[in-house]
Amino acid sequence: MPQHRQTTTPPPKEAKLFRNNRSQAVRIPVEFELPGDKVLISREGDRLVIEPLRKPGLAALLAQWAKEAPLGPEDSFPEINDAPVEAEDIF
């Protein structure tokens, strides 16, 4: 019988703080590793909350483009006369 792996949150673990130029940084243990290369950080009382910054999807990208350069009537595609092809007798 196959065993199902139970996903659990790792218990708290002490981490090292250090200086990186003028910023304070923390070494994140491998079991807490986050995807990507950017995070959002916020404060909740004495706690810091660090969460991965997900890449925006296609809908967000299109919405951003629409805000930057909205299309007006002058930006619409030109009319194209694309008449159907006439039938040929090939036999």
PDB file of N, CA and C in Angstrom:
ATOM      1  N   MET A   1       0.839  -1.170   0.000  1.00  0.00           N
ATOM      2  CA  MET A   1       0.000   0.000   0.000  1.00  0.00           C
ATOM      3  C   MET A   1       0.895   1.249   0.000  1.00  0.00           C
ATOM      4  N   PRO A   2       0.656   2.229  -0.941  1.00  0.00           N
ATOM      5  CA  PRO A   2       1.517   3.406  -0.979  1.00  0.00           C
ATOM      6  C   PRO A   2       1.320   4.286   0.252  1.00  0.00           C
ATOM      7  N   GLN A   3       2.416   4.840   0.712  1.00  0.00           N
ATOM      8  CA  GLN A   3       2.345   5.750   1.844  1.00  0.00           C
ATOM      9  C   GLN A   3       2.272   7.173   1.324  1.00  0.00           C
ATOM     10  N   HIS A   4       1.415   7.959   1.924  1.00  0.00           N
ATOM     11  CA  HIS A   4       1.280   9.354   1.539  1.00  0.00           C
ATOM     12  C   HIS A   4       2.168  10.198   2.430  1.00  0.00           C
ATOM     13  N   ARG A   5       2.940  11.046   1.806  1.00  0.00           N
ATOM     14  CA  ARG A   5       3.814  11.938   2.553  1.00  0.00           C
ATOM     15  C   ARG A   5       3.011  13.075   3.141  1.00  0.00           C
ATOM     16  N   GLN A   6       3.145  13.281   4.405  1.00  0.00           N
ATOM     17  CA  GLN A   6       2.427  14.363   5.061  1.00  0.00           C
ATOM     18  C   GLN A   6       3.326  15.598   5.055  1.00  0.00           C
ATOM     19  N   THR A   7       2.799  16.701   4.517  1.00  0.00           N
ATOM     20  CA  THR A   7       3.582  17.928   4.511  1.00  0.00           C
ATOM     21  C   THR A   7       3.346  18.659   5.811  1.00  0.00           C
ATOM     22  N   THR A   8       4.425  18.924   6.527  1.00  0.00           N
ATOM     23  CA  THR A   8       4.318  19.631   7.790  1.00  0.00           C
ATOM     24  C   THR A   8       5.219  20.854   7.742  1.00  0.00           C
ATOM     25  N   THR A   9       4.890  21.810   8.549  1.00  0.00           N
ATOM     26  CA  THR A   9       5.711  23.001   8.676  1.00  0.00           C
ATOM     27  C   THR A   9       6.904  22.659   9.557  1.00  0.00           C
ATOM     28  N   PRO A  10       8.120  22.999   9.094  1.00  0.00           N
ATOM     29  CA  PRO A  10       9.276  22.711   9.953  1.00  0.00           C
ATOM     30  C   PRO A  10       9.184  23.498  11.259  1.00  0.00           C
ATOM     31  N   PRO A  11       9.722  22.945  12.337  1.00  0.00           N
ATOM     32  CA  PRO A  11       9.686  23.676  13.613  1.00  0.00           C
ATOM     33  C   PRO A  11      10.580  24.910  13.518  1.00  0.00           C
ATOM     34  N   PRO A  12      10.348  25.885  14.392  1.00  0.00           N
ATOM     35  CA  PRO A  12      11.198  27.081  14.385  1.00  0.00           C
ATOM     36  C   PRO A  12      12.666  26.698  14.539  1.00  0.00           C
ATOM     37  N   LYS A  13      13.528  27.490  13.914  1.00  0.00           N
ATOM     38  CA  LYS A  13      14.961  27.229  13.965  1.00  0.00           C
ATOM     39  C   LYS A  13      15.686  28.563  14.100  1.00  0.00           C
ATOM     40  N   GLU A  14      16.708  28.588  14.899  1.00  0.00           N
ATOM     41  CA  GLU A  14      17.506  29.796  15.073  1.00  0.00           C
ATOM     42  C   GLU A  14      18.277  30.085  13.788  1.00  0.00           C
ATOM     43  N   ALA A  15      18.349  31.370  13.411  1.00  0.00           N
ATOM     44  CA  ALA A  15      19.064  31.771  12.196  1.00  0.00           C
ATOM     45  C   ALA A  15      20.030  32.897  12.539  1.00  0.00           C
ATOM     46  N   LYS A  16      21.032  33.060  11.706  1.00  0.00           N
ATOM     47  CA  LYS A  16      22.086  34.050  11.929  1.00  0.00           C
ATOM     48  C   LYS A  16      21.758  35.377  11.261  1.00  0.00           C
ATOM     49  N   LEU A  17      21.901  36.483  12.000  1.00  0.00           N
ATOM     50  CA  LEU A  17      21.777  37.829  11.448  1.00  0.00           C
ATOM     51  C   LEU A  17      23.173  38.330  11.121  1.00  0.00           C
ATOM     52  N   PHE A  18      23.287  39.130  10.043  1.00  0.00           N
ATOM     53  CA  PHE A  18      24.573  39.725   9.687  1.00  0.00           C
ATOM     54  C   PHE A  18      24.333  41.025   8.945  1.00  0.00           C
ATOM     55  N   ARG A  19      25.384  41.767   8.717  1.00  0.00           N
ATOM     56  CA  ARG A  19      25.309  43.037   7.987  1.00  0.00           C
ATOM     57  C   ARG A  19      25.730  42.821   6.547  1.00  0.00           C
ATOM     58  N   ASN A  20      24.979  43.434   5.627  1.00  0.00           N
ATOM     59  CA  ASN A  20      25.318  43.453   4.210  1.00  0.00           C
ATOM     60  C   ASN A  20      25.301  44.922   3.818  1.00  0.00           C
ATOM     61  N   ASN A  21      26.474  45.551   3.786  1.00  0.00           N
ATOM     62  CA  ASN A  21      26.594  47.000   3.632  1.00  0.00           C
ATOM     63  C   ASN A  21      25.844  47.668   4.782  1.00  0.00           C
ATOM     64  N   ARG A  22      24.823  48.484   4.478  1.00  0.00           N
ATOM     65  CA  ARG A  22      24.090  49.175   5.548  1.00  0.00           C
ATOM     66  C   ARG A  22      22.791  48.460   5.927  1.00  0.00           C
ATOM     67  N   SER A  23      22.546  47.301   5.329  1.00  0.00           N
ATOM     68  CA  SER A  23      21.315  46.553   5.612  1.00  0.00           C
ATOM     69  C   SER A  23      21.595  45.371   6.525  1.00  0.00           C
ATOM     70  N   GLN A  24      20.600  45.033   7.333  1.00  0.00           N
ATOM     71  CA  GLN A  24      20.688  43.825   8.132  1.00  0.00           C
ATOM     72  C   GLN A  24      20.113  42.688   7.289  1.00  0.00           C
ATOM     73  N   ALA A  25      20.739  41.528   7.344  1.00  0.00           N
ATOM     74  CA  ALA A  25      20.290  40.375   6.558  1.00  0.00           C
ATOM     75  C   ALA A  25      20.182  39.163   7.483  1.00  0.00           C
ATOM     76  N   VAL A  26      19.467  38.161   7.026  1.00  0.00           N
ATOM     77  CA  VAL A  26      19.302  36.925   7.790  1.00  0.00           C
ATOM     78  C   VAL A  26      19.613  35.742   6.876  1.00  0.00           C
ATOM     79  N   ARG A  27      20.326  34.764   7.403  1.00  0.00           N
ATOM     80  CA  ARG A  27      20.591  33.535   6.641  1.00  0.00           C
ATOM     81  C   ARG A  27      19.378  32.627   6.821  1.00  0.00           C
ATOM     82  N   ILE A  28      18.735  32.284   5.725  1.00  0.00           N
ATOM     83  CA  ILE A  28      17.535  31.452   5.784  1.00  0.00           C
ATOM     84  C   ILE A  28      17.946  29.992   5.635  1.00  0.00           C
ATOM     85  N   PRO A  29      17.656  29.156   6.632  1.00  0.00           N
ATOM     86  CA  PRO A  29      17.995  27.735   6.532  1.00  0.00           C
ATOM     87  C   PRO A  29      17.290  27.089   5.333  1.00  0.00           C
ATOM     88  N   VAL A  30      17.908  26.061   4.785  1.00  0.00           N
ATOM     89  CA  VAL A  30      17.431  25.438   3.552  1.00  0.00           C
ATOM     90  C   VAL A  30      15.985  24.956   3.656  1.00  0.00           C
ATOM     91  N   GLU A  31      15.568  24.489   4.816  1.00  0.00           N
ATOM     92  CA  GLU A  31      14.189  23.990   4.936  1.00  0.00           C
ATOM     93  C   GLU A  31      13.147  25.104   4.875  1.00  0.00           C
ATOM     94  N   PHE A  32      13.584  26.371   4.966  1.00  0.00           N
ATOM     95  CA  PHE A  32      12.687  27.514   4.855  1.00  0.00           C
ATOM     96  C   PHE A  32      12.889  28.274   3.544  1.00  0.00           C
ATOM     97  N   GLU A  33      13.664  27.715   2.633  1.00  0.00           N
ATOM     98  CA  GLU A  33      14.000  28.389   1.378  1.00  0.00           C
ATOM     99  C   GLU A  33      12.748  28.812   0.608  1.00  0.00           C
ATOM    100  N   LEU A  34      12.793  30.002   0.017  1.00  0.00           N
ATOM    101  CA  LEU A  34      11.673  30.555  -0.741  1.00  0.00           C
ATOM    102  C   LEU A  34      11.989  30.520  -2.237  1.00  0.00           C
ATOM    103  N   PRO A  35      10.977  30.377  -3.084  1.00  0.00           N
ATOM    104  CA  PRO A  35      11.215  30.391  -4.527  1.00  0.00           C
ATOM    105  C   PRO A  35      11.481  31.810  -5.024  1.00  0.00           C
ATOM    106  N   GLY A  36      12.144  31.936  -6.154  1.00  0.00           N
ATOM    107  CA  GLY A  36      12.354  33.234  -6.784  1.00  0.00           C
ATOM    108  C   GLY A  36      13.545  33.976  -6.218  1.00  0.00           C
ATOM    109  N   ASP A  37      13.651  35.251  -6.602  1.00  0.00           N
ATOM    110  CA  ASP A  37      14.784  36.055  -6.144  1.00  0.00           C
ATOM    111  C   ASP A  37      14.350  37.354  -5.467  1.00  0.00           C
ATOM    112  N   LYS A  38      13.042  37.515  -5.221  1.00  0.00           N
ATOM    113  CA  LYS A  38      12.534  38.684  -4.511  1.00  0.00           C
ATOM    114  C   LYS A  38      11.463  38.251  -3.528  1.00  0.00           C
ATOM    115  N   VAL A  39      11.330  39.020  -2.431  1.00  0.00           N
ATOM    116  CA  VAL A  39      10.310  38.737  -1.416  1.00  0.00           C
ATOM    117  C   VAL A  39       9.623  40.029  -1.014  1.00  0.00           C
ATOM    118  N   LEU A  40       8.464  39.890  -0.408  1.00  0.00           N
ATOM    119  CA  LEU A  40       7.778  41.005   0.254  1.00  0.00           C
ATOM    120  C   LEU A  40       8.040  40.839   1.743  1.00  0.00           C
ATOM    121  N   ILE A  41       8.346  41.921   2.423  1.00  0.00           N
ATOM    122  CA  ILE A  41       8.578  41.864   3.860  1.00  0.00           C
ATOM    123  C   ILE A  41       7.661  42.881   4.531  1.00  0.00           C
ATOM    124  N   SER A  42       7.031  42.462   5.616  1.00  0.00           N
ATOM    125  CA  SER A  42       6.151  43.359   6.368  1.00  0.00           C
ATOM    126  C   SER A  42       6.322  43.068   7.849  1.00  0.00           C
ATOM    127  N   ARG A  43       5.813  43.971   8.656  1.00  0.00           N
ATOM    128  CA  ARG A  43       5.932  43.824  10.109  1.00  0.00           C
ATOM    129  C   ARG A  43       4.536  43.642  10.693  1.00  0.00           C
ATOM    130  N   GLU A  44       4.418  42.687  11.602  1.00  0.00           N
ATOM    131  CA  GLU A  44       3.191  42.473  12.375  1.00  0.00           C
ATOM    132  C   GLU A  44       3.596  42.480  13.841  1.00  0.00           C
ATOM    133  N   GLY A  45       3.509  43.637  14.462  1.00  0.00           N
ATOM    134  CA  GLY A  45       3.977  43.763  15.846  1.00  0.00           C
ATOM    135  C   GLY A  45       5.485  43.570  15.889  1.00  0.00           C
ATOM    136  N   ASP A  46       5.956  42.599  16.708  1.00  0.00           N
ATOM    137  CA  ASP A  46       7.387  42.298  16.804  1.00  0.00           C
ATOM    138  C   ASP A  46       7.853  41.317  15.736  1.00  0.00           C
ATOM    139  N   ARG A  47       6.948  40.799  14.933  1.00  0.00           N
ATOM    140  CA  ARG A  47       7.293  39.778  13.946  1.00  0.00           C
ATOM    141  C   ARG A  47       7.531  40.386  12.576  1.00  0.00           C
ATOM    142  N   LEU A  48       8.460  39.810  11.844  1.00  0.00           N
ATOM    143  CA  LEU A  48       8.658  40.145  10.440  1.00  0.00           C
ATOM    144  C   LEU A  48       8.067  39.013   9.621  1.00  0.00           C
ATOM    145  N   VAL A  49       7.312  39.356   8.603  1.00  0.00           N
ATOM    146  CA  VAL A  49       6.711  38.361   7.715  1.00  0.00           C
ATOM    147  C   VAL A  49       7.388  38.490   6.367  1.00  0.00           C
ATOM    148  N   ILE A  50       7.977  37.395   5.889  1.00  0.00           N
ATOM    149  CA  ILE A  50       8.651  37.369   4.597  1.00  0.00           C
ATOM    150  C   ILE A  50       7.907  36.380   3.712  1.00  0.00           C
ATOM    151  N   GLU A  51       7.463  36.843   2.541  1.00  0.00           N
ATOM    152  CA  GLU A  51       6.733  35.962   1.633  1.00  0.00           C
ATOM    153  C   GLU A  51       7.261  36.138   0.210  1.00  0.00           C
ATOM    154  N   PRO A  52       7.238  35.058  -0.584  1.00  0.00           N
ATOM    155  CA  PRO A  52       7.774  35.149  -1.942  1.00  0.00           C
ATOM    156  C   PRO A  52       6.975  36.130  -2.789  1.00  0.00           C
ATOM    157  N   LEU A  53       7.668  36.827  -3.657  1.00  0.00           N
ATOM    158  CA  LEU A  53       7.031  37.738  -4.595  1.00  0.00           C
ATOM    159  C   LEU A  53       6.831  36.964  -5.883  1.00  0.00           C
ATOM    160  N   ARG A  54       5.602  36.659  -6.178  1.00  0.00           N
ATOM    161  CA  ARG A  54       5.291  35.856  -7.368  1.00  0.00           C
ATOM    162  C   ARG A  54       5.310  36.730  -8.603  1.00  0.00           C
ATOM    163  N   LYS A  55       5.740  36.151  -9.696  1.00  0.00           N
ATOM    164  CA  LYS A  55       5.736  36.878 -10.961  1.00  0.00           C
ATOM    165  C   LYS A  55       4.297  37.079 -11.410  1.00  0.00           C
ATOM    166  N   PRO A  56       3.969  38.267 -11.911  1.00  0.00           N
ATOM    167  CA  PRO A  56       2.589  38.504 -12.340  1.00  0.00           C
ATOM    168  C   PRO A  56       2.247  37.642 -13.557  1.00  0.00           C
ATOM    169  N   GLY A  57       1.003  37.243 -13.658  1.00  0.00           N
ATOM    170  CA  GLY A  57       0.541  36.437 -14.774  1.00  0.00           C
ATOM    171  C   GLY A  57       0.287  37.293 -16.013  1.00  0.00           C
ATOM    172  N   LEU A  58      -0.186  36.665 -17.057  1.00  0.00           N
ATOM    173  CA  LEU A  58      -0.443  37.337 -18.330  1.00  0.00           C
ATOM    174  C   LEU A  58      -1.491  38.438 -18.176  1.00  0.00           C
ATOM    175  N   ALA A  59      -2.533  38.191 -17.407  1.00  0.00           N
ATOM    176  CA  ALA A  59      -3.590  39.200 -17.240  1.00  0.00           C
ATOM    177  C   ALA A  59      -3.020  40.473 -16.596  1.00  0.00           C
ATOM    178  N   ALA A  60      -2.146  40.314 -15.597  1.00  0.00           N
ATOM    179  CA  ALA A  60      -1.533  41.474 -14.951  1.00  0.00           C
ATOM    180  C   ALA A  60      -0.629  42.221 -15.917  1.00  0.00           C
ATOM    181  N   LEU A  61       0.103  41.490 -16.741  1.00  0.00           N
ATOM    182  CA  LEU A  61       0.981  42.116 -17.722  1.00  0.00           C
ATOM    183  C   LEU A  61       0.178  42.923 -18.740  1.00  0.00           C
ATOM    184  N   LEU A  62      -0.902  42.359 -19.250  1.00  0.00           N
ATOM    185  CA  LEU A  62      -1.745  43.066 -20.215  1.00  0.00           C
ATOM    186  C   LEU A  62      -2.389  44.298 -19.582  1.00  0.00           C
ATOM    187  N   ALA A  63      -2.811  44.184 -18.332  1.00  0.00           N
ATOM    188  CA  ALA A  63      -3.400  45.337 -17.634  1.00  0.00           C
ATOM    189  C   ALA A  63      -2.363  46.444 -17.465  1.00  0.00           C
ATOM    190  N   GLN A  64      -1.127  46.065 -17.145  1.00  0.00           N
ATOM    191  CA  GLN A  64      -0.063  47.057 -16.997  1.00  0.00           C
ATOM    192  C   GLN A  64       0.199  47.756 -18.320  1.00  0.00           C
ATOM    193  N   TRP A  65       0.262  47.002 -19.401  1.00  0.00           N
ATOM    194  CA  TRP A  65       0.474  47.588 -20.732  1.00  0.00           C
ATOM    195  C   TRP A  65      -0.663  48.549 -21.074  1.00  0.00           C
ATOM    196  N   ALA A  66      -1.893  48.184 -20.746  1.00  0.00           N
ATOM    197  CA  ALA A  66      -3.048  49.037 -21.060  1.00  0.00           C
ATOM    198  C   ALA A  66      -2.953  50.359 -20.293  1.00  0.00           C
ATOM    199  N   LYS A  67      -2.441  50.324 -19.047  1.00  0.00           N
ATOM    200  CA  LYS A  67      -2.279  51.551 -18.270  1.00  0.00           C
ATOM    201  C   LYS A  67      -1.188  52.440 -18.854  1.00  0.00           C
ATOM    202  N   GLU A  68      -0.104  51.820 -19.312  1.00  0.00           N
ATOM    203  CA  GLU A  68       1.037  52.588 -19.818  1.00  0.00           C
ATOM    204  C   GLU A  68       0.738  53.246 -21.158  1.00  0.00           C
ATOM    205  N   ALA A  69       0.052  52.544 -22.048  1.00  0.00           N
ATOM    206  CA  ALA A  69      -0.211  53.083 -23.384  1.00  0.00           C
ATOM    207  C   ALA A  69      -1.584  52.620 -23.853  1.00  0.00           C
ATOM    208  N   PRO A  70      -2.657  53.269 -23.354  1.00  0.00           N
ATOM    209  CA  PRO A  70      -3.998  52.848 -23.772  1.00  0.00           C
ATOM    210  C   PRO A  70      -4.185  53.061 -25.279  1.00  0.00           C
ATOM    211  N   LEU A  71      -4.852  52.119 -25.903  1.00  0.00           N
ATOM    212  CA  LEU A  71      -5.111  52.212 -27.339  1.00  0.00           C
ATOM    213  C   LEU A  71      -6.316  53.096 -27.602  1.00  0.00           C
ATOM    214  N   GLY A  72      -6.164  54.001 -28.540  1.00  0.00           N
ATOM    215  CA  GLY A  72      -7.265  54.858 -28.955  1.00  0.00           C
ATOM    216  C   GLY A  72      -7.670  54.501 -30.373  1.00  0.00           C
ATOM    217  N   PRO A  73      -8.649  55.199 -30.937  1.00  0.00           N
ATOM    218  CA  PRO A  73      -9.107  54.894 -32.295  1.00  0.00           C
ATOM    219  C   PRO A  73      -7.981  55.010 -33.321  1.00  0.00           C
ATOM    220  N   GLU A  74      -7.045  55.919 -33.097  1.00  0.00           N
ATOM    221  CA  GLU A  74      -5.944  56.075 -34.055  1.00  0.00           C
ATOM    222  C   GLU A  74      -4.961  54.910 -34.004  1.00  0.00           C
ATOM    223  N   ASP A  75      -5.017  54.103 -32.936  1.00  0.00           N
ATOM    224  CA  ASP A  75      -4.108  52.972 -32.793  1.00  0.00           C
ATOM    225  C   ASP A  75      -4.719  51.652 -33.259  1.00  0.00           C
ATOM    226  N   SER A  76      -5.941  51.693 -33.761  1.00  0.00           N
ATOM    227  CA  SER A  76      -6.596  50.445 -34.157  1.00  0.00           C
ATOM    228  C   SER A  76      -5.981  49.906 -35.446  1.00  0.00           C
ATOM    229  N   PHE A  77      -6.237  48.650 -35.708  1.00  0.00           N
ATOM    230  CA  PHE A  77      -5.703  48.027 -36.910  1.00  0.00           C
ATOM    231  C   PHE A  77      -6.428  48.555 -38.143  1.00  0.00           C
ATOM    232  N   PRO A  78      -5.716  48.689 -39.276  1.00  0.00           N
ATOM    233  CA  PRO A  78      -6.370  49.174 -40.494  1.00  0.00           C
ATOM    234  C   PRO A  78      -7.307  48.113 -41.070  1.00  0.00           C
ATOM    235  N   GLU A  79      -8.310  48.564 -41.813  1.00  0.00           N
ATOM    236  CA  GLU A  79      -9.217  47.640 -42.489  1.00  0.00           C
ATOM    237  C   GLU A  79      -8.443  46.928 -43.603  1.00  0.00           C
ATOM    238  N   ILE A  80      -8.666  45.657 -43.752  1.00  0.00           N
ATOM    239  CA  ILE A  80      -8.001  44.878 -44.795  1.00  0.00           C
ATOM    240  C   ILE A  80      -9.072  44.261 -45.681  1.00  0.00           C
ATOM    241  N   ASN A  81      -8.951  44.474 -46.979  1.00  0.00           N
ATOM    242  CA  ASN A  81      -9.872  43.861 -47.936  1.00  0.00           C
ATOM    243  C   ASN A  81      -9.360  42.458 -48.214  1.00  0.00           C
ATOM    244  N   ASP A  82      -9.968  41.471 -47.567  1.00  0.00           N
ATOM    245  CA  ASP A  82      -9.524  40.082 -47.695  1.00  0.00           C
ATOM    246  C   ASP A  82     -10.678  39.262 -48.265  1.00  0.00           C
ATOM    247  N   ALA A  83     -10.867  39.414 -49.574  1.00  0.00           N
ATOM    248  CA  ALA A  83     -11.960  38.714 -50.247  1.00  0.00           C
ATOM    249  C   ALA A  83     -11.672  37.216 -50.310  1.00  0.00           C
ATOM    250  N   PRO A  84     -12.727  36.396 -50.284  1.00  0.00           N
ATOM    251  CA  PRO A  84     -12.513  34.949 -50.385  1.00  0.00           C
ATOM    252  C   PRO A  84     -11.929  34.583 -51.750  1.00  0.00           C
ATOM    253  N   VAL A  85     -11.181  33.510 -51.787  1.00  0.00           N
ATOM    254  CA  VAL A  85     -10.570  33.047 -53.022  1.00  0.00           C
ATOM    255  C   VAL A  85     -11.672  32.417 -53.880  1.00  0.00           C
ATOM    256  N   GLU A  86     -11.585  32.707 -55.196  1.00  0.00           N
ATOM    257  CA  GLU A  86     -12.574  32.129 -56.126  1.00  0.00           C
ATOM    258  C   GLU A  86     -12.238  30.666 -56.373  1.00  0.00           C
ATOM    259  N   ALA A  87     -13.283  29.862 -56.487  1.00  0.00           N
ATOM    260  CA  ALA A  87     -13.094  28.429 -56.721  1.00  0.00           C
ATOM    261  C   ALA A  87     -12.515  28.193 -58.107  1.00  0.00           C
ATOM    262  N   GLU A  88     -11.638  27.190 -58.223  1.00  0.00           N
ATOM    263  CA  GLU A  88     -11.036  26.819 -59.518  1.00  0.00           C
ATOM    264  C   GLU A  88     -11.417  25.386 -59.823  1.00  0.00           C
ATOM    265  N   ASP A  89     -11.586  25.103 -61.086  1.00  0.00           N
ATOM    266  CA  ASP A  89     -11.810  23.709 -61.500  1.00  0.00           C
ATOM    267  C   ASP A  89     -10.441  23.128 -61.820  1.00  0.00           C
ATOM    268  N   ILE A  90      -9.957  22.244 -60.972  1.00  0.00           N
ATOM    269  CA  ILE A  90      -8.597  21.720 -61.167  1.00  0.00           C
ATOM    270  C   ILE A  90      -8.593  20.337 -61.836  1.00  0.00           C
ATOM    271  N   PHE A  91      -9.739  19.794 -62.188  1.00  0.00           N
ATOM    272  CA  PHE A  91      -9.802  18.485 -62.869  1.00  0.00           C
ATOM    273  C   PHE A  91     -10.346  18.625 -64.234  1.00  0.00           C
TER     274      PHE A  91
END
